[in-house]
Amino acid sequence: MQHSPEFEKLVSDVKKNIKEISVAETLDHIQKGAHLIDVREDNEWNEGHAKGATHLGRGIIERDIVSKFPEKSAELILYCGGGFRSALSAENLQKMGYTNVHSMAGGWKAWKDSGAPTE
């Protein structure tokens, strides 16, 4: 997908404030108890998603995160289609007091390309 220069600049600025991790690191963190959260739209989720992920789309994640994950120190790894929306969401969760939030670099595309499990 082609993104506007304004959107790319916004995401670039946000990525300076968040932690990105690879698919391999994500899989390792999940084995150690991290929670994987898909922030894509409902239709994207319905077409396929990472096995075991929780769906909290960009439109609702800030509203619903505390009810799903009340512990602010819980390790949360967010992903989207390519790593842009998850970066924006990660920054917002940090602003809400979450201290262990990551964005998965490359998003769903990287997950599928790696052969990681899907549903």
N, C-alpha and C. Protein backbone atom coordinates (compact mmCIF):
# COMPACT_ATOMS: atom_id res chain seq x y z
N MET A 1 0.84 -1.18 0.00
CA MET A 1 0.00 0.00 0.00
C MET A 1 0.88 1.25 0.00
N GLN A 2 0.51 2.21 -0.80
CA GLN A 2 1.24 3.47 -0.88
C GLN A 2 0.74 4.41 0.20
N HIS A 3 1.65 4.92 1.02
CA HIS A 3 1.28 5.83 2.10
C HIS A 3 1.69 7.25 1.74
N SER A 4 0.96 8.20 2.28
CA SER A 4 1.30 9.60 2.05
C SER A 4 2.58 9.95 2.79
N PRO A 5 3.31 10.94 2.29
CA PRO A 5 4.52 11.38 2.99
C PRO A 5 4.22 11.85 4.42
N GLU A 6 3.06 12.45 4.61
CA GLU A 6 2.69 12.93 5.95
C GLU A 6 2.53 11.76 6.93
N PHE A 7 1.86 10.70 6.47
CA PHE A 7 1.67 9.53 7.31
C PHE A 7 3.02 8.87 7.60
N GLU A 8 3.85 8.73 6.59
CA GLU A 8 5.17 8.11 6.78
C GLU A 8 6.02 8.92 7.76
N LYS A 9 5.94 10.24 7.71
CA LYS A 9 6.68 11.08 8.66
C LYS A 9 6.15 10.89 10.08
N LEU A 10 4.82 10.85 10.22
CA LEU A 10 4.22 10.62 11.53
C LEU A 10 4.71 9.31 12.13
N VAL A 11 4.66 8.25 11.34
CA VAL A 11 5.08 6.94 11.83
C VAL A 11 6.58 6.94 12.14
N SER A 12 7.37 7.57 11.30
CA SER A 12 8.81 7.66 11.54
C SER A 12 9.11 8.36 12.87
N ASP A 13 8.38 9.42 13.14
CA ASP A 13 8.56 10.14 14.41
C ASP A 13 8.15 9.27 15.60
N VAL A 14 7.05 8.55 15.45
CA VAL A 14 6.55 7.69 16.52
C VAL A 14 7.54 6.56 16.81
N LYS A 15 8.13 6.00 15.76
CA LYS A 15 9.03 4.87 15.95
C LYS A 15 10.26 5.23 16.77
N LYS A 16 10.55 6.50 16.93
CA LYS A 16 11.65 6.93 17.79
C LYS A 16 11.31 6.74 19.26
N ASN A 17 10.02 6.62 19.56
CA ASN A 17 9.54 6.55 20.94
C ASN A 17 9.08 5.17 21.39
N ILE A 18 9.12 4.20 20.49
CA ILE A 18 8.63 2.86 20.82
C ILE A 18 9.70 1.82 20.55
N LYS A 19 9.42 0.59 20.99
CA LYS A 19 10.32 -0.53 20.72
C LYS A 19 9.73 -1.40 19.63
N GLU A 20 10.54 -1.70 18.62
CA GLU A 20 10.13 -2.64 17.58
C GLU A 20 10.90 -3.93 17.77
N ILE A 21 10.23 -5.06 17.55
CA ILE A 21 10.92 -6.34 17.61
C ILE A 21 10.54 -7.16 16.38
N SER A 22 11.40 -8.10 16.05
CA SER A 22 11.20 -8.95 14.87
C SER A 22 10.18 -10.05 15.14
N VAL A 23 9.80 -10.76 14.10
CA VAL A 23 8.92 -11.91 14.24
C VAL A 23 9.58 -12.96 15.12
N ALA A 24 10.85 -13.23 14.89
CA ALA A 24 11.55 -14.24 15.70
C ALA A 24 11.56 -13.85 17.18
N GLU A 25 11.82 -12.58 17.46
CA GLU A 25 11.80 -12.11 18.85
C GLU A 25 10.38 -12.20 19.41
N THR A 26 9.38 -11.89 18.59
CA THR A 26 7.99 -11.98 19.02
C THR A 26 7.66 -13.41 19.43
N LEU A 27 8.01 -14.37 18.60
CA LEU A 27 7.74 -15.77 18.92
C LEU A 27 8.41 -16.18 20.23
N ASP A 28 9.63 -15.74 20.43
CA ASP A 28 10.35 -16.02 21.68
C ASP A 28 9.64 -15.39 22.87
N HIS A 29 9.22 -14.15 22.72
CA HIS A 29 8.54 -13.45 23.82
C HIS A 29 7.19 -14.09 24.14
N ILE A 30 6.49 -14.55 23.11
CA ILE A 30 5.20 -15.22 23.33
C ILE A 30 5.40 -16.49 24.17
N GLN A 31 6.45 -17.24 23.87
CA GLN A 31 6.73 -18.45 24.65
C GLN A 31 7.01 -18.12 26.11
N LYS A 32 7.44 -16.90 26.37
CA LYS A 32 7.75 -16.46 27.73
C LYS A 32 6.59 -15.72 28.38
N GLY A 33 5.43 -15.69 27.69
CA GLY A 33 4.23 -15.12 28.29
C GLY A 33 3.72 -13.80 27.73
N ALA A 34 4.35 -13.28 26.71
CA ALA A 34 3.89 -12.02 26.11
C ALA A 34 2.55 -12.25 25.40
N HIS A 35 1.78 -11.19 25.29
CA HIS A 35 0.49 -11.22 24.61
C HIS A 35 0.63 -10.57 23.24
N LEU A 36 0.13 -11.25 22.21
CA LEU A 36 0.17 -10.73 20.85
C LEU A 36 -1.18 -10.13 20.52
N ILE A 37 -1.18 -8.89 20.05
CA ILE A 37 -2.42 -8.17 19.77
C ILE A 37 -2.43 -7.69 18.32
N ASP A 38 -3.47 -8.06 17.60
CA ASP A 38 -3.67 -7.65 16.21
C ASP A 38 -4.51 -6.38 16.22
N VAL A 39 -3.97 -5.29 15.68
CA VAL A 39 -4.68 -4.01 15.67
C VAL A 39 -5.30 -3.70 14.31
N ARG A 40 -5.34 -4.68 13.42
CA ARG A 40 -5.90 -4.45 12.09
C ARG A 40 -7.43 -4.35 12.15
N GLU A 41 -8.00 -3.97 11.02
CA GLU A 41 -9.46 -3.86 10.90
C GLU A 41 -10.09 -5.25 10.96
N ASP A 42 -11.39 -5.28 11.29
CA ASP A 42 -12.11 -6.55 11.42
C ASP A 42 -11.99 -7.42 10.17
N ASN A 43 -12.15 -6.80 8.99
CA ASN A 43 -12.09 -7.60 7.76
C ASN A 43 -10.71 -8.21 7.55
N GLU A 44 -9.66 -7.51 7.95
CA GLU A 44 -8.30 -8.06 7.83
C GLU A 44 -8.13 -9.24 8.78
N TRP A 45 -8.59 -9.09 10.02
CA TRP A 45 -8.54 -10.15 11.02
C TRP A 45 -9.28 -11.39 10.51
N ASN A 46 -10.47 -11.19 9.96
CA ASN A 46 -11.29 -12.31 9.49
C ASN A 46 -10.64 -13.07 8.34
N GLU A 47 -9.78 -12.42 7.57
CA GLU A 47 -9.10 -13.08 6.46
C GLU A 47 -7.93 -13.94 6.93
N GLY A 48 -7.48 -13.77 8.15
CA GLY A 48 -6.38 -14.55 8.71
C GLY A 48 -5.61 -13.71 9.70
N HIS A 49 -5.04 -14.40 10.69
CA HIS A 49 -4.29 -13.70 11.74
C HIS A 49 -3.30 -14.65 12.41
N ALA A 50 -2.43 -14.08 13.19
CA ALA A 50 -1.44 -14.87 13.92
C ALA A 50 -2.15 -15.78 14.92
N LYS A 51 -1.73 -17.01 14.97
CA LYS A 51 -2.33 -17.98 15.89
C LYS A 51 -2.17 -17.49 17.32
N GLY A 52 -3.30 -17.49 18.04
CA GLY A 52 -3.29 -17.12 19.45
C GLY A 52 -3.38 -15.62 19.73
N ALA A 53 -3.43 -14.82 18.68
CA ALA A 53 -3.48 -13.37 18.87
C ALA A 53 -4.85 -12.94 19.39
N THR A 54 -4.87 -11.81 20.06
CA THR A 54 -6.09 -11.14 20.50
C THR A 54 -6.37 -10.02 19.51
N HIS A 55 -7.62 -9.84 19.14
CA HIS A 55 -7.97 -8.77 18.19
C HIS A 55 -8.51 -7.56 18.94
N LEU A 56 -7.79 -6.46 18.84
CA LEU A 56 -8.23 -5.16 19.35
C LEU A 56 -7.84 -4.13 18.29
N GLY A 57 -8.73 -3.88 17.36
CA GLY A 57 -8.44 -2.98 16.25
C GLY A 57 -8.07 -1.58 16.69
N ARG A 58 -7.40 -0.86 15.80
CA ARG A 58 -6.96 0.52 16.07
C ARG A 58 -8.10 1.40 16.54
N GLY A 59 -9.30 1.14 16.05
CA GLY A 59 -10.43 1.98 16.42
C GLY A 59 -10.91 1.81 17.85
N ILE A 60 -10.51 0.70 18.50
CA ILE A 60 -11.03 0.44 19.86
C ILE A 60 -9.95 0.13 20.89
N ILE A 61 -8.71 -0.03 20.47
CA ILE A 61 -7.70 -0.54 21.40
C ILE A 61 -7.54 0.35 22.63
N GLU A 62 -7.50 1.65 22.45
CA GLU A 62 -7.32 2.52 23.61
C GLU A 62 -8.54 2.45 24.54
N ARG A 63 -9.71 2.27 23.97
CA ARG A 63 -10.93 2.17 24.77
C ARG A 63 -10.99 0.88 25.57
N ASP A 64 -10.55 -0.25 24.97
CA ASP A 64 -10.77 -1.56 25.56
C ASP A 64 -9.55 -2.22 26.19
N ILE A 65 -8.37 -1.66 26.02
CA ILE A 65 -7.15 -2.34 26.48
C ILE A 65 -7.15 -2.61 27.98
N VAL A 66 -7.62 -1.67 28.78
CA VAL A 66 -7.55 -1.84 30.23
C VAL A 66 -8.45 -2.98 30.69
N SER A 67 -9.60 -3.18 30.04
CA SER A 67 -10.47 -4.28 30.44
C SER A 67 -9.88 -5.63 30.04
N LYS A 68 -9.13 -5.68 28.93
CA LYS A 68 -8.53 -6.93 28.47
C LYS A 68 -7.20 -7.22 29.17
N PHE A 69 -6.41 -6.17 29.38
CA PHE A 69 -5.08 -6.31 29.98
C PHE A 69 -4.90 -5.22 31.04
N PRO A 70 -5.45 -5.42 32.23
CA PRO A 70 -5.40 -4.37 33.26
C PRO A 70 -4.00 -4.14 33.84
N GLU A 71 -3.14 -5.15 33.78
CA GLU A 71 -1.79 -5.03 34.35
C GLU A 71 -0.92 -4.19 33.41
N LYS A 72 -0.54 -3.01 33.86
CA LYS A 72 0.20 -2.08 33.00
C LYS A 72 1.62 -2.55 32.67
N SER A 73 2.12 -3.54 33.40
CA SER A 73 3.45 -4.06 33.11
C SER A 73 3.41 -5.31 32.22
N ALA A 74 2.22 -5.74 31.83
CA ALA A 74 2.10 -6.92 30.96
C ALA A 74 2.83 -6.65 29.65
N GLU A 75 3.50 -7.68 29.13
CA GLU A 75 4.18 -7.51 27.85
C GLU A 75 3.17 -7.66 26.72
N LEU A 76 3.04 -6.59 25.94
CA LEU A 76 2.10 -6.55 24.83
C LEU A 76 2.87 -6.32 23.54
N ILE A 77 2.65 -7.18 22.57
CA ILE A 77 3.28 -7.03 21.25
C ILE A 77 2.17 -6.80 20.24
N LEU A 78 2.20 -5.66 19.60
CA LEU A 78 1.16 -5.27 18.65
C LEU A 78 1.64 -5.51 17.23
N TYR A 79 0.70 -5.90 16.37
CA TYR A 79 1.03 -5.99 14.94
C TYR A 79 -0.15 -5.53 14.11
N CYS A 80 0.16 -5.09 12.90
CA CYS A 80 -0.85 -4.68 11.92
C CYS A 80 -0.44 -5.27 10.59
N GLY A 81 -0.76 -4.62 9.50
CA GLY A 81 -0.41 -5.15 8.19
C GLY A 81 1.07 -5.08 7.89
N GLY A 82 1.69 -3.96 8.23
CA GLY A 82 3.09 -3.77 7.88
C GLY A 82 3.94 -3.10 8.95
N GLY A 83 3.36 -2.80 10.11
CA GLY A 83 4.12 -2.22 11.20
C GLY A 83 3.91 -0.74 11.44
N PHE A 84 3.01 -0.12 10.68
CA PHE A 84 2.76 1.31 10.84
C PHE A 84 1.70 1.58 11.90
N ARG A 85 0.52 1.00 11.74
CA ARG A 85 -0.57 1.22 12.70
C ARG A 85 -0.22 0.68 14.08
N SER A 86 0.52 -0.41 14.12
CA SER A 86 0.90 -0.96 15.43
C SER A 86 1.87 -0.03 16.15
N ALA A 87 2.71 0.66 15.40
CA ALA A 87 3.61 1.64 16.02
C ALA A 87 2.80 2.78 16.63
N LEU A 88 1.81 3.28 15.91
CA LEU A 88 0.96 4.35 16.44
C LEU A 88 0.22 3.89 17.69
N SER A 89 -0.29 2.67 17.66
CA SER A 89 -1.00 2.13 18.82
C SER A 89 -0.06 1.94 20.00
N ALA A 90 1.15 1.46 19.73
CA ALA A 90 2.12 1.24 20.81
C ALA A 90 2.42 2.55 21.54
N GLU A 91 2.59 3.62 20.79
CA GLU A 91 2.86 4.90 21.44
C GLU A 91 1.68 5.32 22.32
N ASN A 92 0.47 5.14 21.83
CA ASN A 92 -0.70 5.51 22.64
C ASN A 92 -0.78 4.68 23.92
N LEU A 93 -0.51 3.39 23.83
CA LEU A 93 -0.56 2.55 25.04
C LEU A 93 0.50 2.98 26.04
N GLN A 94 1.66 3.37 25.56
CA GLN A 94 2.70 3.89 26.46
C GLN A 94 2.20 5.15 27.15
N LYS A 95 1.52 6.01 26.43
CA LYS A 95 0.96 7.23 27.03
C LYS A 95 -0.09 6.90 28.07
N MET A 96 -0.73 5.74 27.94
CA MET A 96 -1.74 5.30 28.90
C MET A 96 -1.12 4.59 30.10
N GLY A 97 0.20 4.47 30.13
CA GLY A 97 0.88 3.89 31.28
C GLY A 97 1.39 2.48 31.11
N TYR A 98 1.22 1.89 29.94
CA TYR A 98 1.76 0.55 29.69
C TYR A 98 3.27 0.66 29.50
N THR A 99 4.00 -0.18 30.20
CA THR A 99 5.45 -0.03 30.26
C THR A 99 6.23 -1.07 29.48
N ASN A 100 5.54 -2.04 28.89
CA ASN A 100 6.24 -3.14 28.22
C ASN A 100 5.54 -3.45 26.89
N VAL A 101 5.49 -2.44 26.02
CA VAL A 101 4.78 -2.53 24.75
C VAL A 101 5.78 -2.54 23.61
N HIS A 102 5.53 -3.41 22.63
CA HIS A 102 6.37 -3.49 21.43
C HIS A 102 5.48 -3.45 20.20
N SER A 103 6.06 -3.04 19.09
CA SER A 103 5.42 -3.15 17.78
C SER A 103 6.23 -4.17 16.99
N MET A 104 5.54 -5.13 16.37
CA MET A 104 6.25 -6.14 15.60
C MET A 104 6.60 -5.58 14.22
N ALA A 105 7.87 -5.50 13.96
CA ALA A 105 8.37 -4.97 12.68
C ALA A 105 7.86 -5.82 11.52
N GLY A 106 7.35 -5.16 10.50
CA GLY A 106 6.89 -5.86 9.31
C GLY A 106 5.48 -6.38 9.37
N GLY A 107 4.88 -6.42 10.56
CA GLY A 107 3.49 -6.79 10.73
C GLY A 107 3.09 -8.15 10.18
N TRP A 108 1.83 -8.24 9.79
CA TRP A 108 1.24 -9.47 9.29
C TRP A 108 2.01 -10.03 8.11
N LYS A 109 2.47 -9.17 7.23
CA LYS A 109 3.25 -9.62 6.07
C LYS A 109 4.50 -10.37 6.52
N ALA A 110 5.23 -9.79 7.46
CA ALA A 110 6.45 -10.43 7.96
C ALA A 110 6.11 -11.74 8.68
N TRP A 111 5.02 -11.75 9.43
CA TRP A 111 4.59 -12.96 10.15
C TRP A 111 4.34 -14.09 9.16
N LYS A 112 3.55 -13.82 8.13
CA LYS A 112 3.24 -14.85 7.12
C LYS A 112 4.50 -15.28 6.38
N ASP A 113 5.33 -14.32 5.98
CA ASP A 113 6.54 -14.63 5.23
C ASP A 113 7.50 -15.51 6.03
N SER A 114 7.44 -15.40 7.36
CA SER A 114 8.34 -16.18 8.21
C SER A 114 7.86 -17.62 8.39
N GLY A 115 6.61 -17.87 8.04
CA GLY A 115 6.05 -19.21 8.24
C GLY A 115 5.51 -19.42 9.64
N ALA A 116 5.39 -18.35 10.42
CA ALA A 116 4.84 -18.45 11.78
C ALA A 116 3.39 -18.92 11.69
N PRO A 117 2.87 -19.54 12.75
CA PRO A 117 1.54 -20.13 12.70
C PRO A 117 0.42 -19.09 12.54
N THR A 118 -0.58 -19.46 11.73
CA THR A 118 -1.72 -18.57 11.47
C THR A 118 -3.03 -19.30 11.71
N GLU A 119 -4.07 -18.52 11.82
CA GLU A 119 -5.43 -19.06 11.93
C GLU A 119 -6.29 -18.35 10.90
